[in-house]
Amino acid sequence: MEQWVDFDVVTREALRSTLADLGVKEPANLEAFADAFTGLPLADGAGEAVRALHDAGVLTGILTNASERMLSGAAAAADLPFDHRLSVDAARRFKPHPSVYQLAVDATGLPAEGIGFVTANGWDAAGAGSFGFRVAWLRPGNSATLPAVGAPLPTVATWPEIPAMFGASATGTNDTPEAPGASSEREASATAARKTGR
């Protein structure tokens, strides 16, 4: 349709529609319910992984479908060392549109293959892999099937495996020449890249 509304509107309208489908009366404070996204806790191991990457000299960041407003609130609540906080608002498209993944390339100055990407979503893993990112797909086990869109297979991983996967060794140093890193928080979807020149 080539029309755009930000994720605040999408979230609110999806909630309104779901309540109507379930026959539940819409609460007076619908906005507060829709805003609960920003208060979700971090996934187990996510904070430790992001800090390990940061301590190893790996740039970390969030690339999210959330609006700038939601992203600011969620990132502040997470209190993690993110170097980049990227909202789809800048592209006026949602993932998995390629223009959204391009935001990470533009922000870091690195080629797509120099960027690591962590996600819990199959559609996001497929989109990021097709764009050229090195993708870690957060799954509880090894059985995982991507959408049938011809995307490269991601590496199935858990949060504790992410630092080593993207160049952060147990000693806290980055010993992979061009290793990308990856990070995430509430949406479990983000990008990161190795620090260059700082």
Protein backbone atom coordinates (compact mmCIF):
# COMPACT_ATOMS: atom_id res chain seq x y z
CA MET A 1 0.00 0.00 0.00
CA GLU A 2 3.06 2.25 0.36
CA GLN A 3 1.63 3.82 3.51
CA TRP A 4 3.49 4.27 6.78
CA VAL A 5 2.56 4.55 10.43
CA ASP A 6 5.06 4.04 13.22
CA PHE A 7 5.13 1.08 15.59
CA ASP A 8 3.31 2.99 18.32
CA VAL A 9 0.26 3.13 16.05
CA VAL A 10 0.70 -0.47 14.88
CA THR A 11 0.91 -1.75 18.45
CA ARG A 12 -2.10 0.24 19.65
CA GLU A 13 -4.28 -0.75 16.70
CA ALA A 14 -3.25 -4.41 16.93
CA LEU A 15 -4.21 -4.42 20.61
CA ARG A 16 -7.52 -2.71 19.86
CA SER A 17 -8.30 -5.23 17.12
CA THR A 18 -7.38 -8.22 19.32
CA LEU A 19 -9.57 -6.99 22.17
CA ALA A 20 -12.48 -6.58 19.75
CA ASP A 21 -11.96 -10.08 18.31
CA LEU A 22 -11.99 -11.54 21.82
CA GLY A 23 -15.04 -9.54 22.86
CA VAL A 24 -13.09 -7.71 25.58
CA LYS A 25 -14.10 -4.15 26.39
CA GLU A 26 -11.39 -1.66 25.47
CA PRO A 27 -9.84 -0.21 28.64
CA ALA A 28 -9.72 3.51 29.19
CA ASN A 29 -5.94 3.31 29.52
CA LEU A 30 -5.33 1.47 26.24
CA GLU A 31 -2.23 3.57 25.58
CA ALA A 32 -0.64 2.34 28.81
CA PHE A 33 -1.29 -1.28 27.84
CA ALA A 34 0.17 -0.70 24.39
CA ASP A 35 3.22 0.93 25.98
CA ALA A 36 4.00 -2.16 28.07
CA PHE A 37 6.49 -3.20 25.37
CA THR A 38 9.06 -0.81 26.77
CA GLY A 39 8.90 -2.47 30.18
CA LEU A 40 9.52 -6.07 29.12
CA PRO A 41 12.47 -7.70 30.89
CA LEU A 42 15.63 -8.70 29.07
CA ALA A 43 15.92 -12.28 27.90
CA ASP A 44 18.14 -14.41 30.12
CA GLY A 45 21.77 -13.93 29.15
CA ALA A 46 21.17 -10.98 26.84
CA GLY A 47 22.63 -8.33 29.12
CA GLU A 48 25.72 -10.40 29.87
CA ALA A 49 26.29 -11.02 26.15
CA VAL A 50 26.03 -7.35 25.24
CA ARG A 51 28.42 -6.33 28.03
CA ALA A 52 30.92 -9.03 27.02
CA LEU A 53 30.91 -7.77 23.44
CA HIS A 54 31.29 -4.17 24.55
CA ASP A 55 34.15 -5.05 26.91
CA ALA A 56 35.89 -6.84 24.02
CA GLY A 57 35.79 -3.68 21.89
CA VAL A 58 32.83 -4.68 19.74
CA LEU A 59 30.32 -2.03 18.76
CA THR A 60 26.84 -3.01 19.87
CA GLY A 61 23.51 -1.70 18.76
CA ILE A 62 19.79 -2.16 18.38
CA LEU A 63 18.02 -2.27 15.04
CA THR A 64 14.33 -2.43 15.79
CA ASN A 65 10.87 -2.07 14.31
CA ALA A 66 9.99 0.00 17.37
CA SER A 67 9.47 3.73 17.05
CA GLU A 68 12.11 6.20 18.17
CA ARG A 69 10.00 6.89 21.26
CA MET A 70 9.66 3.21 22.17
CA LEU A 71 13.33 2.56 21.45
CA SER A 72 14.46 5.39 23.72
CA GLY A 73 12.36 4.07 26.59
CA ALA A 74 13.40 0.45 26.14
CA ALA A 75 17.10 1.27 25.76
CA ALA A 76 17.07 3.45 28.86
CA ALA A 77 15.39 0.68 30.87
CA ALA A 78 17.90 -1.90 29.62
CA ASP A 79 20.86 0.26 30.71
CA LEU A 80 23.29 -1.51 28.38
CA PRO A 81 26.29 -0.09 26.47
CA PHE A 82 24.74 0.28 23.01
CA ASP A 83 26.75 2.33 20.52
CA HIS A 84 23.91 2.52 17.99
CA ARG A 85 20.16 2.74 18.53
CA LEU A 86 18.43 2.44 15.19
CA SER A 87 14.69 2.67 14.65
CA VAL A 88 12.87 1.89 11.41
CA ASP A 89 11.37 5.38 11.67
CA ALA A 90 14.38 6.61 9.69
CA ALA A 91 13.56 4.28 6.78
CA ARG A 92 9.76 4.46 7.08
CA ARG A 93 9.65 0.73 6.39
CA PHE A 94 9.54 -2.27 8.69
CA LYS A 95 11.89 -5.22 8.76
CA PRO A 96 12.48 -7.34 6.77
CA HIS A 97 12.61 -4.56 4.12
CA PRO A 98 16.25 -4.18 2.95
CA SER A 99 16.22 -0.42 3.57
CA VAL A 100 15.96 -1.11 7.30
CA TYR A 101 19.06 -3.32 7.37
CA GLN A 102 20.82 -0.64 5.32
CA LEU A 103 20.48 1.64 8.36
CA ALA A 104 23.08 -0.49 10.16
CA VAL A 105 25.48 -0.30 7.21
CA ASP A 106 25.09 3.48 7.07
CA ALA A 107 25.52 3.89 10.83
CA THR A 108 28.66 1.75 11.13
CA GLY A 109 30.29 2.42 7.76
CA LEU A 110 30.85 -1.32 7.38
CA PRO A 111 29.75 -3.65 4.60
CA ALA A 112 26.83 -5.95 5.34
CA GLU A 113 29.12 -8.97 5.68
CA GLY A 114 31.03 -7.13 8.42
CA ILE A 115 27.95 -6.88 10.62
CA GLY A 116 26.61 -9.52 12.97
CA PHE A 117 22.90 -9.77 13.67
CA VAL A 118 21.05 -11.52 16.47
CA THR A 119 17.33 -12.23 16.38
CA ALA A 120 14.74 -14.55 17.82
CA ASN A 121 12.46 -14.14 14.79
CA GLY A 122 12.59 -16.40 11.74
CA TRP A 123 11.40 -13.69 9.36
CA ASP A 124 14.10 -11.33 10.69
CA ALA A 125 16.80 -14.00 10.39
CA ALA A 126 15.77 -14.56 6.79
CA GLY A 127 15.68 -10.86 5.97
CA ALA A 128 19.01 -10.06 7.61
CA GLY A 129 20.72 -13.08 6.05
CA SER A 130 19.42 -12.18 2.61
CA PHE A 131 20.80 -8.67 3.08
CA GLY A 132 24.23 -10.11 3.84
CA PHE A 133 24.55 -9.97 7.63
CA ARG A 134 26.07 -12.82 9.62
CA VAL A 135 23.02 -14.01 11.52
CA ALA A 136 22.63 -15.76 14.86
CA TRP A 137 19.12 -17.07 15.35
CA LEU A 138 18.18 -17.44 18.99
CA ARG A 139 16.47 -20.80 19.42
CA PRO A 140 16.12 -23.10 22.43
CA GLY A 141 17.24 -26.10 20.34
CA ASN A 142 18.76 -26.98 16.99
CA SER A 143 15.44 -27.66 15.27
CA ALA A 144 14.56 -24.50 13.38
CA THR A 145 13.14 -23.84 9.93
CA LEU A 146 13.40 -20.50 8.16
CA PRO A 147 10.62 -19.15 5.98
CA ALA A 148 11.03 -20.61 2.48
CA VAL A 149 12.41 -17.48 0.83
CA GLY A 150 15.83 -18.72 -0.23
CA ALA A 151 17.73 -16.93 2.55
CA PRO A 152 21.10 -18.25 3.78
CA LEU A 153 20.83 -20.49 6.82
CA PRO A 154 21.65 -18.63 10.03
CA THR A 155 23.64 -20.07 12.90
CA VAL A 156 21.29 -21.31 15.60
CA ALA A 157 22.57 -20.05 18.94
CA THR A 158 21.74 -19.08 22.50
CA TRP A 159 22.70 -15.85 24.26
CA PRO A 160 25.70 -17.32 26.11
CA GLU A 161 27.19 -18.37 22.75
CA ILE A 162 26.89 -14.94 21.13
CA PRO A 163 30.09 -13.24 22.43
CA ALA A 164 32.39 -16.01 21.17
CA MET A 165 30.47 -16.25 17.91
CA PHE A 166 31.15 -12.61 17.14
CA GLY A 167 34.72 -12.23 18.29
CA ALA A 168 34.66 -11.69 22.05
CA SER A 169 36.91 -14.27 23.72
CA ALA A 170 36.68 -15.42 27.29
CA THR A 171 39.56 -13.07 28.16
CA GLY A 172 37.53 -10.06 27.05
CA THR A 173 39.59 -9.30 23.94
CA ASN A 174 38.54 -9.15 20.34
CA ASP A 175 40.93 -11.46 18.51
CA THR A 176 39.07 -11.84 15.22
CA PRO A 177 40.42 -9.40 12.57
CA GLU A 178 37.10 -8.28 11.12
CA ALA A 179 34.72 -10.02 13.45
CA PRO A 180 31.28 -8.47 13.69
CA GLY A 181 29.49 -8.55 16.98
CA ALA A 182 25.84 -8.72 17.83
CA SER A 183 23.55 -7.61 20.57
CA SER A 184 19.93 -7.27 21.47
CA GLU A 185 17.37 -6.48 24.08
CA ARG A 186 13.60 -6.69 24.37
CA GLU A 187 12.93 -7.35 20.74
CA ALA A 188 15.95 -9.71 20.64
CA SER A 189 16.91 -8.20 17.35
CA ALA A 190 19.93 -5.98 16.80
CA THR A 191 23.11 -5.32 14.97
CA ALA A 192 26.67 -4.53 15.94
CA ALA A 193 30.09 -4.25 14.42
CA ARG A 194 33.69 -4.22 15.57
CA LYS A 195 35.02 -0.92 16.85
CA THR A 196 37.17 0.78 14.26
CA GLY A 197 39.68 3.42 15.29
CA ARG A 198 38.50 3.85 18.88
